[in-house]
C-alpha cells in the first residue's frame, strides 16, 4: 500500500487533470467517427479492450479479495450500469445528432449536477470558497464553448442528441456519487475489472440488437486506431485515475476537473489543427484555472471510505 502512495500517482489533482485530457479526445473522436462506428459498437468494443488490459492486473487481487465482495454486488451492478453501460453509451448516442460543441457545453454541467445531487441525497455542502470556485470555473467553460458570446446560450435549441447528453450528465453525476458505496478495501484494478465485466454483460444484448438492425462497424485503420485510443486512455487509464481521484478528494471536487475538457479541446485544436486560440479561449482558460484553484485551496474534507 505504501508503494501506491509514492510518486505522481499519489497526486489526485494530477490524475484528474490527465483524465480530463483523455476524455477530451474521446468526445472529439466520438463525433468524428460516428459514420464508421455505431454508438453501441463503440461503447462495447472500447470496454472490451479495457477489460483485456485490466484483467491481468486484477486477477491477483481477485484471489486475495473476492471475500470482500459479499453483500456488495447490488452496488457494483448499479455502478456498472451507470459508469460503464450508461454514460458513454448515452454520450455516443448524443454525438450521432448533436455537435461536439453542444456535447461539451452540456458536459460542463456535470459538476453542478454532482454537487446538487450530493446536497439533495446526502446533505453534503460546499464551503463558500469551493462553491464560488465551481461557479467561476463553470463561467470559464461556458466562455470557451459559447466563444465569449453569452447570446449563444439564448439561441441554443435542444435536439434529441442534446437530450441524450443531458441524460448522460445525470448518469455520470450518479456514478461519481455512487463510488462511495464501493466495497471497502477493494483494489482499484479489481474494482474496474468487475465494473467493466458487468457493464459489458449489460451492453451485449443491446449491441446484438444494433447489429440486427444492420448497423455494423466500418473496419479500416482509422476506426481501429480510434477504438484503440478510446479503449486504452479514456476507458482503462482514465477510469483508474478518475476513480482514485474521487476516492481521494470526494465527488464534488473531483467532478470540477471536467471543466478542463474545453481547455484541452482548445489546446488540442491549436496543436493538431493549427487553430490559434482567441481572446475568449484565454479568458475562459484563466477563469477555469482560477475556479479550480479556489475550490481546491479550501481545506480538504476527506470523503468517507
C-alpha atoms as a PDB file:
ATOM      1  CA  UNK A   1       0.000   0.000   0.000  1.00  0.00           C
ATOM      2  CA  UNK A   2       2.868   2.360   0.728  1.00  0.00           C
ATOM      3  CA  UNK A   3       4.318   1.941  -2.752  1.00  0.00           C
ATOM      4  CA  UNK A   4       0.998   3.017  -4.209  1.00  0.00           C
ATOM      5  CA  UNK A   5       1.195   6.281  -2.271  1.00  0.00           C
ATOM      6  CA  UNK A   6       4.549   7.352  -3.690  1.00  0.00           C
ATOM      7  CA  UNK A   7       5.275   9.467  -6.745  1.00  0.00           C
ATOM      8  CA  UNK A   8       2.963  11.233  -9.172  1.00  0.00           C
ATOM      9  CA  UNK A   9       0.204   8.650  -8.720  1.00  0.00           C
ATOM     10  CA  UNK A  10      -0.297   9.989  -5.189  1.00  0.00           C
ATOM     11  CA  UNK A  11      -1.413  13.400  -6.545  1.00  0.00           C
ATOM     12  CA  UNK A  12      -5.185  13.162  -7.168  1.00  0.00           C
ATOM     13  CA  UNK A  13      -5.304  16.554  -8.898  1.00  0.00           C
ATOM     14  CA  UNK A  14      -2.767  15.456 -11.495  1.00  0.00           C
ATOM     15  CA  UNK A  15      -4.735  12.246 -12.081  1.00  0.00           C
ATOM     16  CA  UNK A  16      -7.974  14.179 -12.534  1.00  0.00           C
ATOM     17  CA  UNK A  17      -6.273  16.614 -14.931  1.00  0.00           C
ATOM     18  CA  UNK A  18      -4.953  13.760 -17.080  1.00  0.00           C
ATOM     19  CA  UNK A  19      -8.403  12.177 -17.037  1.00  0.00           C
ATOM     20  CA  UNK A  20      -9.917  15.376 -18.456  1.00  0.00           C
ATOM     21  CA  UNK A  21      -7.263  15.329 -21.206  1.00  0.00           C
ATOM     22  CA  UNK A  22      -8.057  11.742 -22.183  1.00  0.00           C
ATOM     23  CA  UNK A  23     -11.816  12.339 -22.120  1.00  0.00           C
ATOM     24  CA  UNK A  24     -11.489  15.453 -24.281  1.00  0.00           C
ATOM     25  CA  UNK A  25     -10.033  13.292 -27.033  1.00  0.00           C
ATOM     26  CA  UNK A  26     -12.839  10.781 -26.528  1.00  0.00           C
ATOM     27  CA  UNK A  27     -15.530  13.422 -27.074  1.00  0.00           C
ATOM     28  CA  UNK A  28     -13.927  14.643 -30.309  1.00  0.00           C
ATOM     29  CA  UNK A  29     -13.360  11.109 -31.612  1.00  0.00           C
ATOM     30  CA  UNK A  30     -16.887  10.045 -30.737  1.00  0.00           C
ATOM     31  CA  UNK A  31     -18.195  12.766 -33.024  1.00  0.00           C
ATOM     32  CA  UNK A  32     -15.551  12.270 -35.721  1.00  0.00           C
ATOM     33  CA  UNK A  33     -16.063   8.516 -36.245  1.00  0.00           C
ATOM     34  CA  UNK A  34     -19.842   8.400 -35.868  1.00  0.00           C
ATOM     35  CA  UNK A  35     -20.251   7.366 -39.522  1.00  0.00           C
ATOM     36  CA  UNK A  36     -17.825   4.434 -39.189  1.00  0.00           C
ATOM     37  CA  UNK A  37     -18.620   3.044 -35.737  1.00  0.00           C
ATOM     38  CA  UNK A  38     -22.227   2.916 -34.440  1.00  0.00           C
ATOM     39  CA  UNK A  39     -22.673   4.188 -30.861  1.00  0.00           C
ATOM     40  CA  UNK A  40     -23.328   0.860 -29.112  1.00  0.00           C
ATOM     41  CA  UNK A  41     -20.495  -0.825 -31.014  1.00  0.00           C
ATOM     42  CA  UNK A  42     -18.128   1.945 -29.936  1.00  0.00           C
ATOM     43  CA  UNK A  43     -19.144   1.557 -26.295  1.00  0.00           C
ATOM     44  CA  UNK A  44     -18.966  -2.260 -26.431  1.00  0.00           C
ATOM     45  CA  UNK A  45     -15.568  -2.550 -28.084  1.00  0.00           C
ATOM     46  CA  UNK A  46     -13.896   0.220 -26.087  1.00  0.00           C
ATOM     47  CA  UNK A  47     -14.788  -1.623 -22.885  1.00  0.00           C
ATOM     48  CA  UNK A  48     -13.743  -4.974 -24.352  1.00  0.00           C
ATOM     49  CA  UNK A  49     -10.291  -3.523 -24.981  1.00  0.00           C
ATOM     50  CA  UNK A  50     -10.165  -2.029 -21.493  1.00  0.00           C
ATOM     51  CA  UNK A  51     -11.161  -5.372 -19.945  1.00  0.00           C
ATOM     52  CA  UNK A  52      -8.315  -7.159 -21.740  1.00  0.00           C
ATOM     53  CA  UNK A  53      -5.896  -4.587 -20.331  1.00  0.00           C
ATOM     54  CA  UNK A  54      -7.142  -4.659 -16.754  1.00  0.00           C
ATOM     55  CA  UNK A  55      -7.717  -8.416 -16.281  1.00  0.00           C
ATOM     56  CA  UNK A  56      -4.031  -9.392 -15.831  1.00  0.00           C
ATOM     57  CA  UNK A  57      -3.675  -6.651 -13.205  1.00  0.00           C
ATOM     58  CA  UNK A  58      -6.924  -7.533 -11.436  1.00  0.00           C
ATOM     59  CA  UNK A  59      -6.562 -11.319 -11.291  1.00  0.00           C
ATOM     60  CA  UNK A  60      -4.088 -11.462  -8.349  1.00  0.00           C
ATOM     61  CA  UNK A  61      -6.416  -9.205  -6.341  1.00  0.00           C
ATOM     62  CA  UNK A  62      -9.423 -11.402  -7.189  1.00  0.00           C
ATOM     63  CA  UNK A  63      -7.846 -14.386  -5.484  1.00  0.00           C
ATOM     64  CA  UNK A  64      -6.989 -12.341  -2.402  1.00  0.00           C
ATOM     65  CA  UNK A  65     -10.032 -10.081  -2.099  1.00  0.00           C
ATOM     66  CA  UNK A  66     -13.092 -11.822  -3.516  1.00  0.00           C
ATOM     67  CA  UNK A  67     -14.351 -12.331   0.039  1.00  0.00           C
ATOM     68  CA  UNK A  68     -14.754  -8.528   0.251  1.00  0.00           C
ATOM     69  CA  UNK A  69     -17.484  -8.647  -2.395  1.00  0.00           C
ATOM     70  CA  UNK A  70     -20.068 -10.358  -0.202  1.00  0.00           C
ATOM     71  CA  UNK A  71     -23.106  -8.129   0.115  1.00  0.00           C
ATOM     72  CA  UNK A  72     -21.746  -5.532  -2.333  1.00  0.00           C
ATOM     73  CA  UNK A  73     -22.973  -6.949  -5.639  1.00  0.00           C
ATOM     74  CA  UNK A  74     -26.032  -4.645  -5.853  1.00  0.00           C
ATOM     75  CA  UNK A  75     -23.776  -1.589  -5.525  1.00  0.00           C
ATOM     76  CA  UNK A  76     -21.375  -2.959  -8.155  1.00  0.00           C
ATOM     77  CA  UNK A  77     -24.245  -3.661 -10.564  1.00  0.00           C
ATOM     78  CA  UNK A  78     -25.567  -0.118 -10.189  1.00  0.00           C
ATOM     79  CA  UNK A  79     -22.098   1.410 -10.647  1.00  0.00           C
ATOM     80  CA  UNK A  80     -21.522  -0.726 -13.763  1.00  0.00           C
ATOM     81  CA  UNK A  81     -24.889   0.287 -15.194  1.00  0.00           C
ATOM     82  CA  UNK A  82     -24.154   3.972 -14.606  1.00  0.00           C
ATOM     83  CA  UNK A  83     -20.436   4.349 -15.335  1.00  0.00           C
ATOM     84  CA  UNK A  84     -19.807   1.623 -17.926  1.00  0.00           C
ATOM     85  CA  UNK A  85     -23.038   0.741 -19.735  1.00  0.00           C
ATOM     86  CA  UNK A  86     -24.765   4.080 -19.177  1.00  0.00           C
ATOM     87  CA  UNK A  87     -22.756   7.275 -19.525  1.00  0.00           C
ATOM     88  CA  UNK A  88     -20.619   6.502 -22.562  1.00  0.00           C
ATOM     89  CA  UNK A  89     -23.450   4.840 -24.462  1.00  0.00           C
ATOM     90  CA  UNK A  90     -25.695   7.860 -23.904  1.00  0.00           C
ATOM     91  CA  UNK A  91     -22.870  10.237 -24.875  1.00  0.00           C
ATOM     92  CA  UNK A  92     -22.152   8.343 -28.102  1.00  0.00           C
ATOM     93  CA  UNK A  93     -25.870   8.299 -28.928  1.00  0.00           C
ATOM     94  CA  UNK A  94     -25.904  12.055 -28.346  1.00  0.00           C
ATOM     95  CA  UNK A  95     -22.944  12.615 -30.668  1.00  0.00           C
ATOM     96  CA  UNK A  96     -24.850  10.973 -33.519  1.00  0.00           C
ATOM     97  CA  UNK A  97     -27.119  14.010 -33.798  1.00  0.00           C
ATOM     98  CA  UNK A  98     -25.569  16.857 -31.815  1.00  0.00           C
ATOM     99  CA  UNK A  99     -22.315  18.735 -32.251  1.00  0.00           C
ATOM    100  CA  UNK A 100     -19.192  18.197 -30.185  1.00  0.00           C
ATOM    101  CA  UNK A 101     -19.601  21.815 -29.032  1.00  0.00           C
ATOM    102  CA  UNK A 102     -23.083  21.169 -27.658  1.00  0.00           C
ATOM    103  CA  UNK A 103     -21.898  17.947 -26.049  1.00  0.00           C
ATOM    104  CA  UNK A 104     -19.008  19.693 -24.290  1.00  0.00           C
ATOM    105  CA  UNK A 105     -21.317  22.531 -23.234  1.00  0.00           C
ATOM    106  CA  UNK A 106     -23.810  20.174 -21.630  1.00  0.00           C
ATOM    107  CA  UNK A 107     -20.991  18.044 -20.196  1.00  0.00           C
ATOM    108  CA  UNK A 108     -19.788  21.162 -18.360  1.00  0.00           C
ATOM    109  CA  UNK A 109     -22.815  20.898 -16.086  1.00  0.00           C
ATOM    110  CA  UNK A 110     -21.656  17.589 -14.583  1.00  0.00           C
ATOM    111  CA  UNK A 111     -20.013  19.309 -11.566  1.00  0.00           C
ATOM    112  CA  UNK A 112     -23.193  21.298 -10.906  1.00  0.00           C
ATOM    113  CA  UNK A 113     -25.339  18.154 -11.201  1.00  0.00           C
ATOM    114  CA  UNK A 114     -22.977  16.240  -8.902  1.00  0.00           C
ATOM    115  CA  UNK A 115     -22.942  18.960  -6.255  1.00  0.00           C
ATOM    116  CA  UNK A 116     -26.731  19.347  -6.416  1.00  0.00           C
ATOM    117  CA  UNK A 117     -27.345  15.614  -6.036  1.00  0.00           C
ATOM    118  CA  UNK A 118     -24.802  15.412  -3.206  1.00  0.00           C
ATOM    119  CA  UNK A 119     -26.784  18.094  -1.389  1.00  0.00           C
ATOM    120  CA  UNK A 120     -30.203  16.583  -2.122  1.00  0.00           C
ATOM    121  CA  UNK A 121     -29.307  12.969  -1.359  1.00  0.00           C
ATOM    122  CA  UNK A 122     -26.556  13.186   1.241  1.00  0.00           C
ATOM    123  CA  UNK A 123     -26.861  16.729   2.641  1.00  0.00           C
ATOM    124  CA  UNK A 124     -23.264  17.468   1.656  1.00  0.00           C
ATOM    125  CA  UNK A 125     -22.465  21.166   1.440  1.00  0.00           C
ATOM    126  CA  UNK A 126     -19.615  23.006  -0.245  1.00  0.00           C
ATOM    127  CA  UNK A 127     -17.689  25.691   1.583  1.00  0.00           C
ATOM    128  CA  UNK A 128     -18.201  29.255   0.346  1.00  0.00           C
ATOM    129  CA  UNK A 129     -14.843  29.341  -1.441  1.00  0.00           C
ATOM    130  CA  UNK A 130     -15.468  25.941  -3.042  1.00  0.00           C
ATOM    131  CA  UNK A 131     -18.913  26.987  -4.239  1.00  0.00           C
ATOM    132  CA  UNK A 132     -17.582  30.226  -5.694  1.00  0.00           C
ATOM    133  CA  UNK A 133     -14.787  28.292  -7.385  1.00  0.00           C
ATOM    134  CA  UNK A 134     -17.316  25.975  -9.050  1.00  0.00           C
ATOM    135  CA  UNK A 135     -19.268  28.944 -10.419  1.00  0.00           C
ATOM    136  CA  UNK A 136     -16.123  30.695 -11.666  1.00  0.00           C
ATOM    137  CA  UNK A 137     -14.835  27.579 -13.457  1.00  0.00           C
ATOM    138  CA  UNK A 138     -18.295  26.951 -14.960  1.00  0.00           C
ATOM    139  CA  UNK A 139     -18.255  30.525 -16.264  1.00  0.00           C
ATOM    140  CA  UNK A 140     -14.875  29.811 -17.827  1.00  0.00           C
ATOM    141  CA  UNK A 141     -16.143  26.652 -19.524  1.00  0.00           C
ATOM    142  CA  UNK A 142     -19.181  28.494 -20.864  1.00  0.00           C
ATOM    143  CA  UNK A 143     -16.940  31.330 -22.105  1.00  0.00           C
ATOM    144  CA  UNK A 144     -14.975  28.890 -24.262  1.00  0.00           C
ATOM    145  CA  UNK A 145     -17.926  26.887 -25.547  1.00  0.00           C
ATOM    146  CA  UNK A 146     -20.024  29.985 -26.400  1.00  0.00           C
ATOM    147  CA  UNK A 147     -16.989  31.727 -27.944  1.00  0.00           C
ATOM    148  CA  UNK A 148     -17.314  34.575 -25.485  1.00  0.00           C
ATOM    149  CA  UNK A 149     -20.827  35.457 -26.640  1.00  0.00           C
ATOM    150  CA  UNK A 150     -23.453  34.911 -23.913  1.00  0.00           C
ATOM    151  CA  UNK A 151     -26.208  35.390 -26.509  1.00  0.00           C
ATOM    152  CA  UNK A 152     -25.266  31.943 -27.814  1.00  0.00           C
ATOM    153  CA  UNK A 153     -26.964  30.387 -24.789  1.00  0.00           C
ATOM    154  CA  UNK A 154     -30.213  32.205 -25.538  1.00  0.00           C
ATOM    155  CA  UNK A 155     -30.119  30.908 -29.110  1.00  0.00           C
ATOM    156  CA  UNK A 156     -29.380  27.334 -28.038  1.00  0.00           C
ATOM    157  CA  UNK A 157     -32.067  24.842 -29.057  1.00  0.00           C
ATOM    158  CA  UNK A 158     -32.075  21.291 -27.759  1.00  0.00           C
ATOM    159  CA  UNK A 159     -32.459  18.404 -30.199  1.00  0.00           C
ATOM    160  CA  UNK A 160     -32.702  14.681 -29.494  1.00  0.00           C
ATOM    161  CA  UNK A 161     -28.942  14.341 -29.196  1.00  0.00           C
ATOM    162  CA  UNK A 162     -28.783  17.084 -26.579  1.00  0.00           C
ATOM    163  CA  UNK A 163     -31.414  15.276 -24.509  1.00  0.00           C
ATOM    164  CA  UNK A 164     -29.320  12.109 -24.655  1.00  0.00           C
ATOM    165  CA  UNK A 165     -26.358  14.175 -23.426  1.00  0.00           C
ATOM    166  CA  UNK A 166     -28.372  15.606 -20.545  1.00  0.00           C
ATOM    167  CA  UNK A 167     -29.212  12.036 -19.582  1.00  0.00           C
ATOM    168  CA  UNK A 168     -25.508  11.192 -19.727  1.00  0.00           C
ATOM    169  CA  UNK A 169     -24.727  14.145 -17.430  1.00  0.00           C
ATOM    170  CA  UNK A 170     -27.198  12.908 -14.814  1.00  0.00           C
ATOM    171  CA  UNK A 171     -25.927   9.334 -15.086  1.00  0.00           C
ATOM    172  CA  UNK A 172     -22.294  10.402 -14.601  1.00  0.00           C
ATOM    173  CA  UNK A 173     -23.148  12.530 -11.573  1.00  0.00           C
ATOM    174  CA  UNK A 174     -24.864   9.497 -10.024  1.00  0.00           C
ATOM    175  CA  UNK A 175     -21.851   7.284 -10.818  1.00  0.00           C
ATOM    176  CA  UNK A 176     -19.452   9.755  -9.212  1.00  0.00           C
ATOM    177  CA  UNK A 177     -21.527   9.905  -6.032  1.00  0.00           C
ATOM    178  CA  UNK A 178     -22.081   6.147  -6.075  1.00  0.00           C
ATOM    179  CA  UNK A 179     -18.352   5.410  -5.836  1.00  0.00           C
ATOM    180  CA  UNK A 180     -18.602   5.985  -2.084  1.00  0.00           C
ATOM    181  CA  UNK A 181     -20.541   2.712  -1.874  1.00  0.00           C
ATOM    182  CA  UNK A 182     -17.774   0.607  -3.452  1.00  0.00           C
ATOM    183  CA  UNK A 183     -16.638  -2.406  -1.389  1.00  0.00           C
ATOM    184  CA  UNK A 184     -14.231  -1.068   1.279  1.00  0.00           C
ATOM    185  CA  UNK A 185     -10.612  -2.072   0.765  1.00  0.00           C
ATOM    186  CA  UNK A 186     -11.138  -3.377  -2.776  1.00  0.00           C
ATOM    187  CA  UNK A 187      -8.117  -2.876  -5.052  1.00  0.00           C
ATOM    188  CA  UNK A 188      -8.761  -0.251  -7.789  1.00  0.00           C
ATOM    189  CA  UNK A 189      -7.813  -2.687 -10.570  1.00  0.00           C
ATOM    190  CA  UNK A 190     -10.245  -5.314  -9.312  1.00  0.00           C
ATOM    191  CA  UNK A 191     -12.991  -2.720  -8.925  1.00  0.00           C
ATOM    192  CA  UNK A 192     -12.511  -1.532 -12.508  1.00  0.00           C
ATOM    193  CA  UNK A 193     -12.392  -5.092 -13.890  1.00  0.00           C
ATOM    194  CA  UNK A 194     -15.629  -6.028 -12.143  1.00  0.00           C
ATOM    195  CA  UNK A 195     -17.405  -2.868 -13.295  1.00  0.00           C
ATOM    196  CA  UNK A 196     -16.283  -3.381 -16.899  1.00  0.00           C
ATOM    197  CA  UNK A 197     -17.264  -7.069 -16.944  1.00  0.00           C
ATOM    198  CA  UNK A 198     -20.705  -6.314 -15.526  1.00  0.00           C
ATOM    199  CA  UNK A 199     -21.156  -3.339 -17.850  1.00  0.00           C
ATOM    200  CA  UNK A 200     -20.219  -5.409 -20.898  1.00  0.00           C
ATOM    201  CA  UNK A 201     -22.776  -8.037 -19.916  1.00  0.00           C
ATOM    202  CA  UNK A 202     -25.397  -5.278 -19.933  1.00  0.00           C
ATOM    203  CA  UNK A 203     -24.207  -3.858 -23.259  1.00  0.00           C
ATOM    204  CA  UNK A 204     -24.036  -7.208 -25.083  1.00  0.00           C
ATOM    205  CA  UNK A 205     -27.781  -7.657 -25.803  1.00  0.00           C
ATOM    206  CA  UNK A 206     -28.062  -4.004 -26.906  1.00  0.00           C
ATOM    207  CA  UNK A 207     -25.026  -4.456 -29.173  1.00  0.00           C
ATOM    208  CA  UNK A 208     -26.547  -7.603 -30.702  1.00  0.00           C
ATOM    209  CA  UNK A 209     -29.771  -5.670 -31.293  1.00  0.00           C
ATOM    210  CA  UNK A 210     -27.797  -2.901 -33.037  1.00  0.00           C
ATOM    211  CA  UNK A 211     -26.152  -5.500 -35.287  1.00  0.00           C
ATOM    212  CA  UNK A 212     -29.564  -6.985 -36.064  1.00  0.00           C
ATOM    213  CA  UNK A 213     -30.621  -3.538 -37.282  1.00  0.00           C
ATOM    214  CA  UNK A 214     -27.849  -3.728 -39.890  1.00  0.00           C
ATOM    215  CA  UNK A 215     -25.590  -1.190 -38.153  1.00  0.00           C
ATOM    216  CA  UNK A 216     -22.110  -2.684 -38.332  1.00  0.00           C
ATOM    217  CA  UNK A 217     -18.683  -1.138 -37.932  1.00  0.00           C
ATOM    218  CA  UNK A 218     -16.757   0.058 -40.987  1.00  0.00           C
ATOM    219  CA  UNK A 219     -13.372  -1.565 -40.292  1.00  0.00           C
ATOM    220  CA  UNK A 220     -10.324   0.350 -41.502  1.00  0.00           C
ATOM    221  CA  UNK A 221      -7.103   1.655 -39.987  1.00  0.00           C
ATOM    222  CA  UNK A 222      -8.688   4.883 -38.747  1.00  0.00           C
ATOM    223  CA  UNK A 223     -11.574   3.150 -36.962  1.00  0.00           C
ATOM    224  CA  UNK A 224      -9.246   0.574 -35.384  1.00  0.00           C
ATOM    225  CA  UNK A 225      -6.865   3.277 -34.139  1.00  0.00           C
ATOM    226  CA  UNK A 226      -9.826   5.216 -32.741  1.00  0.00           C
ATOM    227  CA  UNK A 227     -11.014   2.113 -30.867  1.00  0.00           C
ATOM    228  CA  UNK A 228      -7.511   1.563 -29.533  1.00  0.00           C
ATOM    229  CA  UNK A 229      -7.372   5.122 -28.210  1.00  0.00           C
ATOM    230  CA  UNK A 230     -10.763   5.087 -26.502  1.00  0.00           C
ATOM    231  CA  UNK A 231     -10.102   1.626 -25.073  1.00  0.00           C
ATOM    232  CA  UNK A 232      -6.687   2.477 -23.613  1.00  0.00           C
ATOM    233  CA  UNK A 233      -6.821   6.097 -22.485  1.00  0.00           C
ATOM    234  CA  UNK A 234     -10.384   7.284 -21.737  1.00  0.00           C
ATOM    235  CA  UNK A 235     -11.548   3.813 -20.606  1.00  0.00           C
ATOM    236  CA  UNK A 236      -8.662   1.961 -18.945  1.00  0.00           C
ATOM    237  CA  UNK A 237      -6.301   4.694 -17.752  1.00  0.00           C
ATOM    238  CA  UNK A 238      -8.914   7.434 -17.391  1.00  0.00           C
ATOM    239  CA  UNK A 239     -11.258   5.423 -15.188  1.00  0.00           C
ATOM    240  CA  UNK A 240      -8.435   4.265 -12.923  1.00  0.00           C
ATOM    241  CA  UNK A 241      -7.345   7.879 -12.468  1.00  0.00           C
ATOM    242  CA  UNK A 242     -10.873   9.252 -12.012  1.00  0.00           C
ATOM    243  CA  UNK A 243     -11.948   6.577  -9.530  1.00  0.00           C
ATOM    244  CA  UNK A 244      -8.837   7.197  -7.456  1.00  0.00           C
ATOM    245  CA  UNK A 245      -9.301  10.959  -7.635  1.00  0.00           C
ATOM    246  CA  UNK A 246     -12.887  10.658  -6.354  1.00  0.00           C
ATOM    247  CA  UNK A 247     -11.713   8.400  -3.536  1.00  0.00           C
ATOM    248  CA  UNK A 248      -9.057  10.907  -2.501  1.00  0.00           C
ATOM    249  CA  UNK A 249     -10.810  14.282  -2.777  1.00  0.00           C
ATOM    250  CA  UNK A 250     -14.525  13.482  -2.908  1.00  0.00           C
ATOM    251  CA  UNK A 251     -17.157  13.526  -5.633  1.00  0.00           C
ATOM    252  CA  UNK A 252     -17.896  17.265  -5.821  1.00  0.00           C
ATOM    253  CA  UNK A 253     -14.283  18.408  -6.008  1.00  0.00           C
ATOM    254  CA  UNK A 254     -13.254  15.650  -8.433  1.00  0.00           C
ATOM    255  CA  UNK A 255     -16.122  16.372 -10.842  1.00  0.00           C
ATOM    256  CA  UNK A 256     -14.969  20.004 -11.062  1.00  0.00           C
ATOM    257  CA  UNK A 257     -11.995  18.905 -13.178  1.00  0.00           C
ATOM    258  CA  UNK A 258     -14.385  18.044 -16.017  1.00  0.00           C
ATOM    259  CA  UNK A 259     -14.352  21.803 -16.686  1.00  0.00           C
ATOM    260  CA  UNK A 260     -10.827  21.262 -18.021  1.00  0.00           C
ATOM    261  CA  UNK A 261     -12.232  19.472 -21.062  1.00  0.00           C
ATOM    262  CA  UNK A 262     -12.913  22.704 -23.025  1.00  0.00           C
ATOM    263  CA  UNK A 263      -9.390  23.841 -22.106  1.00  0.00           C
ATOM    264  CA  UNK A 264      -7.822  20.715 -23.526  1.00  0.00           C
ATOM    265  CA  UNK A 265     -10.097  20.873 -26.552  1.00  0.00           C
ATOM    266  CA  UNK A 266      -8.729  24.358 -27.255  1.00  0.00           C
ATOM    267  CA  UNK A 267      -5.117  23.274 -26.770  1.00  0.00           C
ATOM    268  CA  UNK A 268      -5.513  20.133 -28.897  1.00  0.00           C
ATOM    269  CA  UNK A 269      -7.067  22.177 -31.703  1.00  0.00           C
ATOM    270  CA  UNK A 270      -4.148  24.606 -31.563  1.00  0.00           C
ATOM    271  CA  UNK A 271      -1.619  21.785 -31.536  1.00  0.00           C
ATOM    272  CA  UNK A 272      -3.044  19.467 -34.197  1.00  0.00           C
ATOM    273  CA  UNK A 273      -5.343  21.683 -36.266  1.00  0.00           C
ATOM    274  CA  UNK A 274      -3.257  24.861 -36.244  1.00  0.00           C
ATOM    275  CA  UNK A 275      -6.180  26.820 -34.789  1.00  0.00           C
ATOM    276  CA  UNK A 276      -4.966  29.891 -32.924  1.00  0.00           C
ATOM    277  CA  UNK A 277      -6.603  30.452 -29.530  1.00  0.00           C
ATOM    278  CA  UNK A 278      -8.804  33.563 -29.486  1.00  0.00           C
ATOM    279  CA  UNK A 279      -9.162  36.038 -26.634  1.00  0.00           C
ATOM    280  CA  UNK A 280     -12.240  34.241 -25.317  1.00  0.00           C
ATOM    281  CA  UNK A 281     -10.234  30.994 -25.143  1.00  0.00           C
ATOM    282  CA  UNK A 282      -7.609  32.636 -22.963  1.00  0.00           C
ATOM    283  CA  UNK A 283     -10.237  34.313 -20.769  1.00  0.00           C
ATOM    284  CA  UNK A 284     -12.118  31.036 -20.335  1.00  0.00           C
ATOM    285  CA  UNK A 285      -8.968  29.087 -19.526  1.00  0.00           C
ATOM    286  CA  UNK A 286      -7.965  31.702 -16.936  1.00  0.00           C
ATOM    287  CA  UNK A 287     -11.405  31.526 -15.281  1.00  0.00           C
ATOM    288  CA  UNK A 288     -11.366  27.708 -15.201  1.00  0.00           C
ATOM    289  CA  UNK A 289      -7.958  27.589 -13.544  1.00  0.00           C
ATOM    290  CA  UNK A 290      -8.938  30.356 -11.142  1.00  0.00           C
ATOM    291  CA  UNK A 291     -12.120  28.492 -10.191  1.00  0.00           C
ATOM    292  CA  UNK A 292     -10.363  25.162  -9.709  1.00  0.00           C
ATOM    293  CA  UNK A 293      -7.663  26.899  -7.676  1.00  0.00           C
ATOM    294  CA  UNK A 294     -10.299  28.477  -5.416  1.00  0.00           C
ATOM    295  CA  UNK A 295     -12.179  25.205  -4.950  1.00  0.00           C
ATOM    296  CA  UNK A 296      -9.068  23.164  -4.193  1.00  0.00           C
ATOM    297  CA  UNK A 297      -7.473  25.818  -1.993  1.00  0.00           C
ATOM    298  CA  UNK A 298     -10.011  25.331   0.786  1.00  0.00           C
ATOM    299  CA  UNK A 299      -9.251  22.609   3.369  1.00  0.00           C
ATOM    300  CA  UNK A 300      -9.988  19.137   2.021  1.00  0.00           C
ATOM    301  CA  UNK A 301     -12.698  17.276   3.849  1.00  0.00           C
ATOM    302  CA  UNK A 302     -11.680  13.659   3.384  1.00  0.00           C
ATOM    303  CA  UNK A 303     -14.501  11.589   1.882  1.00  0.00           C
ATOM    304  CA  UNK A 304     -15.764   8.623   3.835  1.00  0.00           C
ATOM    305  CA  UNK A 305     -14.210   5.303   2.875  1.00  0.00           C
END
